[in-house]
């Protein structure tokens, strides 16, 4: 864990849980547990019930592993960090990540100020939903790119 390694993710659309576990150097039960702890980690399931991870899911698993193992976040802390939608640059510490401005979506046209939320549980649910929407958007962008790529080949 002292050294950082770059994981080469194969150019595939879907990965089975065993493949993701090997790429992330984790046991499959850890991935299943993380699915229960991190709402944004929701791989699709095949008709037979097999978990099918997309590339964005694999990247998310690697990011969660980095937060928990290398950067020593608690699960609650990693969940909070994921809800912020920020990732540390290589060699950047947690404090530097928090100082950076959050990324701005390119298609963002109108910024509506959020309504004040007094209930902490509601705030946490809203942040989880926002993170899920960001995750879904990235999946849709991947699918769009894959469809465009298929159109050029066929």
C-alpha atoms as a PDB file:
ATOM      1  CA  UNK A   1       0.000   0.000   0.000  1.00  0.00           C
ATOM      2  CA  UNK A   2       2.989   2.285   0.282  1.00  0.00           C
ATOM      3  CA  UNK A   3       3.342   2.415  -3.459  1.00  0.00           C
ATOM      4  CA  UNK A   4       0.678   3.593  -5.837  1.00  0.00           C
ATOM      5  CA  UNK A   5      -0.049   1.368  -8.780  1.00  0.00           C
ATOM      6  CA  UNK A   6      -2.004   2.179 -11.890  1.00  0.00           C
ATOM      7  CA  UNK A   7      -4.584  -0.448 -12.737  1.00  0.00           C
ATOM      8  CA  UNK A   8      -5.026  -1.147 -16.429  1.00  0.00           C
ATOM      9  CA  UNK A   9      -8.750  -1.695 -16.989  1.00  0.00           C
ATOM     10  CA  UNK A  10      -9.410  -3.858 -20.052  1.00  0.00           C
ATOM     11  CA  UNK A  11     -11.457  -2.315 -22.866  1.00  0.00           C
ATOM     12  CA  UNK A  12     -14.726  -4.153 -22.179  1.00  0.00           C
ATOM     13  CA  UNK A  13     -18.312  -3.063 -21.613  1.00  0.00           C
ATOM     14  CA  UNK A  14     -19.066  -5.388 -18.677  1.00  0.00           C
ATOM     15  CA  UNK A  15     -16.997  -7.093 -15.981  1.00  0.00           C
ATOM     16  CA  UNK A  16     -18.059  -9.925 -13.671  1.00  0.00           C
ATOM     17  CA  UNK A  17     -17.510  -9.580  -9.936  1.00  0.00           C
ATOM     18  CA  UNK A  18     -14.503 -11.937 -10.011  1.00  0.00           C
ATOM     19  CA  UNK A  19     -12.818  -9.831 -12.696  1.00  0.00           C
ATOM     20  CA  UNK A  20     -13.398  -6.626 -10.724  1.00  0.00           C
ATOM     21  CA  UNK A  21     -12.124  -8.320  -7.557  1.00  0.00           C
ATOM     22  CA  UNK A  22      -8.912  -9.338  -9.358  1.00  0.00           C
ATOM     23  CA  UNK A  23      -8.408  -5.867 -10.860  1.00  0.00           C
ATOM     24  CA  UNK A  24      -8.915  -4.188  -7.476  1.00  0.00           C
ATOM     25  CA  UNK A  25      -7.056  -6.914  -5.562  1.00  0.00           C
ATOM     26  CA  UNK A  26     -10.072  -7.474  -3.304  1.00  0.00           C
ATOM     27  CA  UNK A  27     -12.273 -10.403  -2.388  1.00  0.00           C
ATOM     28  CA  UNK A  28     -15.734 -10.542  -4.025  1.00  0.00           C
ATOM     29  CA  UNK A  29     -17.435 -10.357  -0.618  1.00  0.00           C
ATOM     30  CA  UNK A  30     -15.774  -6.953  -0.072  1.00  0.00           C
ATOM     31  CA  UNK A  31     -17.358  -5.666  -3.281  1.00  0.00           C
ATOM     32  CA  UNK A  32     -20.762  -6.991  -2.208  1.00  0.00           C
ATOM     33  CA  UNK A  33     -20.338  -5.290   1.170  1.00  0.00           C
ATOM     34  CA  UNK A  34     -19.334  -2.005  -0.458  1.00  0.00           C
ATOM     35  CA  UNK A  35     -22.502  -2.171  -2.573  1.00  0.00           C
ATOM     36  CA  UNK A  36     -24.484  -2.135   0.673  1.00  0.00           C
ATOM     37  CA  UNK A  37     -22.464   0.774   2.085  1.00  0.00           C
ATOM     38  CA  UNK A  38     -22.076   2.998  -0.981  1.00  0.00           C
ATOM     39  CA  UNK A  39     -25.353   3.776  -2.732  1.00  0.00           C
ATOM     40  CA  UNK A  40     -23.567   4.902  -5.895  1.00  0.00           C
ATOM     41  CA  UNK A  41     -22.038   1.453  -6.400  1.00  0.00           C
ATOM     42  CA  UNK A  42     -24.882  -0.442  -8.060  1.00  0.00           C
ATOM     43  CA  UNK A  43     -23.756  -2.858 -10.775  1.00  0.00           C
ATOM     44  CA  UNK A  44     -26.376  -4.181 -13.137  1.00  0.00           C
ATOM     45  CA  UNK A  45     -27.450  -7.785 -12.788  1.00  0.00           C
ATOM     46  CA  UNK A  46     -27.827 -10.231 -15.654  1.00  0.00           C
ATOM     47  CA  UNK A  47     -30.903 -12.404 -16.062  1.00  0.00           C
ATOM     48  CA  UNK A  48     -29.111 -15.087 -14.071  1.00  0.00           C
ATOM     49  CA  UNK A  49     -28.397 -12.644 -11.225  1.00  0.00           C
ATOM     50  CA  UNK A  50     -24.686 -12.235 -12.015  1.00  0.00           C
ATOM     51  CA  UNK A  51     -23.349  -8.783 -11.145  1.00  0.00           C
ATOM     52  CA  UNK A  52     -22.207  -6.963 -14.269  1.00  0.00           C
ATOM     53  CA  UNK A  53     -19.940  -3.979 -13.554  1.00  0.00           C
ATOM     54  CA  UNK A  54     -19.361  -1.272 -16.144  1.00  0.00           C
ATOM     55  CA  UNK A  55     -16.059   0.528 -16.561  1.00  0.00           C
ATOM     56  CA  UNK A  56     -17.367   3.450 -14.475  1.00  0.00           C
ATOM     57  CA  UNK A  57     -18.252   0.958 -11.700  1.00  0.00           C
ATOM     58  CA  UNK A  58     -14.718  -0.472 -11.817  1.00  0.00           C
ATOM     59  CA  UNK A  59     -13.256   3.042 -11.621  1.00  0.00           C
ATOM     60  CA  UNK A  60     -15.546   3.779  -8.669  1.00  0.00           C
ATOM     61  CA  UNK A  61     -14.404   0.590  -6.896  1.00  0.00           C
ATOM     62  CA  UNK A  62     -10.772   1.623  -7.391  1.00  0.00           C
ATOM     63  CA  UNK A  63     -11.551   5.103  -6.057  1.00  0.00           C
ATOM     64  CA  UNK A  64     -13.332   3.679  -2.991  1.00  0.00           C
ATOM     65  CA  UNK A  65     -10.388   1.342  -2.387  1.00  0.00           C
ATOM     66  CA  UNK A  66      -8.005   4.295  -2.582  1.00  0.00           C
ATOM     67  CA  UNK A  67     -10.086   6.281  -0.082  1.00  0.00           C
ATOM     68  CA  UNK A  68     -10.358   3.393   2.379  1.00  0.00           C
ATOM     69  CA  UNK A  69      -6.991   1.667   2.067  1.00  0.00           C
ATOM     70  CA  UNK A  70      -4.428   4.275   1.030  1.00  0.00           C
ATOM     71  CA  UNK A  71      -5.966   7.471   2.374  1.00  0.00           C
ATOM     72  CA  UNK A  72      -7.357   5.758   5.505  1.00  0.00           C
ATOM     73  CA  UNK A  73     -10.899   7.164   5.305  1.00  0.00           C
ATOM     74  CA  UNK A  74     -13.633   5.533   7.355  1.00  0.00           C
ATOM     75  CA  UNK A  75     -16.582   4.203   5.382  1.00  0.00           C
ATOM     76  CA  UNK A  76     -18.652   7.205   6.497  1.00  0.00           C
ATOM     77  CA  UNK A  77     -15.828   9.555   5.503  1.00  0.00           C
ATOM     78  CA  UNK A  78     -15.438   7.875   2.102  1.00  0.00           C
ATOM     79  CA  UNK A  79     -19.201   8.108   1.574  1.00  0.00           C
ATOM     80  CA  UNK A  80     -19.050  11.844   2.332  1.00  0.00           C
ATOM     81  CA  UNK A  81     -16.059  12.324   0.039  1.00  0.00           C
ATOM     82  CA  UNK A  82     -17.848  10.511  -2.804  1.00  0.00           C
ATOM     83  CA  UNK A  83     -20.921  12.682  -2.333  1.00  0.00           C
ATOM     84  CA  UNK A  84     -18.727  15.741  -2.955  1.00  0.00           C
ATOM     85  CA  UNK A  85     -17.821  14.359  -6.377  1.00  0.00           C
ATOM     86  CA  UNK A  86     -14.147  15.246  -6.000  1.00  0.00           C
ATOM     87  CA  UNK A  87     -11.134  13.040  -6.571  1.00  0.00           C
ATOM     88  CA  UNK A  88      -7.606  13.720  -5.440  1.00  0.00           C
ATOM     89  CA  UNK A  89      -5.007  14.229  -8.113  1.00  0.00           C
ATOM     90  CA  UNK A  90      -2.011  11.861  -7.945  1.00  0.00           C
ATOM     91  CA  UNK A  91       0.181  12.901  -5.036  1.00  0.00           C
ATOM     92  CA  UNK A  92      -2.442  15.275  -3.647  1.00  0.00           C
ATOM     93  CA  UNK A  93      -3.444  14.938  -0.021  1.00  0.00           C
ATOM     94  CA  UNK A  94      -6.976  15.079   1.384  1.00  0.00           C
ATOM     95  CA  UNK A  95      -6.679  18.711   2.502  1.00  0.00           C
ATOM     96  CA  UNK A  96      -5.649  19.814  -0.987  1.00  0.00           C
ATOM     97  CA  UNK A  97      -8.600  17.939  -2.453  1.00  0.00           C
ATOM     98  CA  UNK A  98     -10.969  19.728  -0.114  1.00  0.00           C
ATOM     99  CA  UNK A  99      -9.470  23.130  -1.016  1.00  0.00           C
ATOM    100  CA  UNK A 100     -10.071  22.583  -4.726  1.00  0.00           C
ATOM    101  CA  UNK A 101     -13.266  23.977  -6.213  1.00  0.00           C
ATOM    102  CA  UNK A 102     -15.800  21.295  -7.130  1.00  0.00           C
ATOM    103  CA  UNK A 103     -15.953  20.405 -10.829  1.00  0.00           C
ATOM    104  CA  UNK A 104     -18.522  22.210 -12.955  1.00  0.00           C
ATOM    105  CA  UNK A 105     -20.605  20.181 -15.371  1.00  0.00           C
ATOM    106  CA  UNK A 106     -20.077  21.344 -18.977  1.00  0.00           C
ATOM    107  CA  UNK A 107     -23.817  21.300 -19.746  1.00  0.00           C
ATOM    108  CA  UNK A 108     -24.692  23.315 -16.657  1.00  0.00           C
ATOM    109  CA  UNK A 109     -26.845  26.217 -17.825  1.00  0.00           C
ATOM    110  CA  UNK A 110     -28.545  27.529 -14.718  1.00  0.00           C
ATOM    111  CA  UNK A 111     -27.368  27.239 -11.133  1.00  0.00           C
ATOM    112  CA  UNK A 112     -30.295  27.131  -8.739  1.00  0.00           C
ATOM    113  CA  UNK A 113     -29.295  27.672  -5.121  1.00  0.00           C
ATOM    114  CA  UNK A 114     -30.172  24.669  -2.988  1.00  0.00           C
ATOM    115  CA  UNK A 115     -33.066  25.002  -0.578  1.00  0.00           C
ATOM    116  CA  UNK A 116     -32.015  25.058   3.075  1.00  0.00           C
ATOM    117  CA  UNK A 117     -32.139  21.590   4.566  1.00  0.00           C
ATOM    118  CA  UNK A 118     -32.356  21.260   8.320  1.00  0.00           C
ATOM    119  CA  UNK A 119     -32.670  17.496   8.636  1.00  0.00           C
ATOM    120  CA  UNK A 120     -29.226  15.809   8.471  1.00  0.00           C
ATOM    121  CA  UNK A 121     -30.694  12.470   7.342  1.00  0.00           C
ATOM    122  CA  UNK A 122     -32.546  14.160   4.498  1.00  0.00           C
ATOM    123  CA  UNK A 123     -29.368  16.007   3.515  1.00  0.00           C
ATOM    124  CA  UNK A 124     -27.460  12.718   3.424  1.00  0.00           C
ATOM    125  CA  UNK A 125     -30.137  11.110   1.223  1.00  0.00           C
ATOM    126  CA  UNK A 126     -30.089  14.095  -1.143  1.00  0.00           C
ATOM    127  CA  UNK A 127     -26.310  13.932  -1.416  1.00  0.00           C
ATOM    128  CA  UNK A 128     -26.483  10.193  -2.130  1.00  0.00           C
ATOM    129  CA  UNK A 129     -29.085  10.830  -4.844  1.00  0.00           C
ATOM    130  CA  UNK A 130     -26.887  13.537  -6.374  1.00  0.00           C
ATOM    131  CA  UNK A 131     -23.933  11.154  -6.403  1.00  0.00           C
ATOM    132  CA  UNK A 132     -26.084   8.462  -7.998  1.00  0.00           C
ATOM    133  CA  UNK A 133     -27.244  10.883 -10.696  1.00  0.00           C
ATOM    134  CA  UNK A 134     -23.642  11.847 -11.456  1.00  0.00           C
ATOM    135  CA  UNK A 135     -22.771   8.148 -11.689  1.00  0.00           C
ATOM    136  CA  UNK A 136     -25.718   7.473 -14.012  1.00  0.00           C
ATOM    137  CA  UNK A 137     -24.740  10.413 -16.186  1.00  0.00           C
ATOM    138  CA  UNK A 138     -21.218   9.024 -16.593  1.00  0.00           C
ATOM    139  CA  UNK A 139     -22.668   5.620 -17.503  1.00  0.00           C
ATOM    140  CA  UNK A 140     -24.905   7.220 -20.130  1.00  0.00           C
ATOM    141  CA  UNK A 141     -21.929   9.096 -21.553  1.00  0.00           C
ATOM    142  CA  UNK A 142     -19.999   5.806 -21.743  1.00  0.00           C
ATOM    143  CA  UNK A 143     -22.895   4.117 -23.533  1.00  0.00           C
ATOM    144  CA  UNK A 144     -23.141   7.020 -25.960  1.00  0.00           C
ATOM    145  CA  UNK A 145     -19.433   6.742 -26.726  1.00  0.00           C
ATOM    146  CA  UNK A 146     -19.733   2.963 -27.142  1.00  0.00           C
ATOM    147  CA  UNK A 147     -22.654   3.360 -29.567  1.00  0.00           C
ATOM    148  CA  UNK A 148     -20.739   5.949 -31.572  1.00  0.00           C
ATOM    149  CA  UNK A 149     -17.700   3.654 -31.608  1.00  0.00           C
ATOM    150  CA  UNK A 150     -19.840   0.699 -32.769  1.00  0.00           C
ATOM    151  CA  UNK A 151     -21.268   2.893 -35.558  1.00  0.00           C
ATOM    152  CA  UNK A 152     -17.786   3.623 -36.864  1.00  0.00           C
ATOM    153  CA  UNK A 153     -16.863  -0.074 -36.869  1.00  0.00           C
ATOM    154  CA  UNK A 154     -19.992  -1.499 -38.421  1.00  0.00           C
END
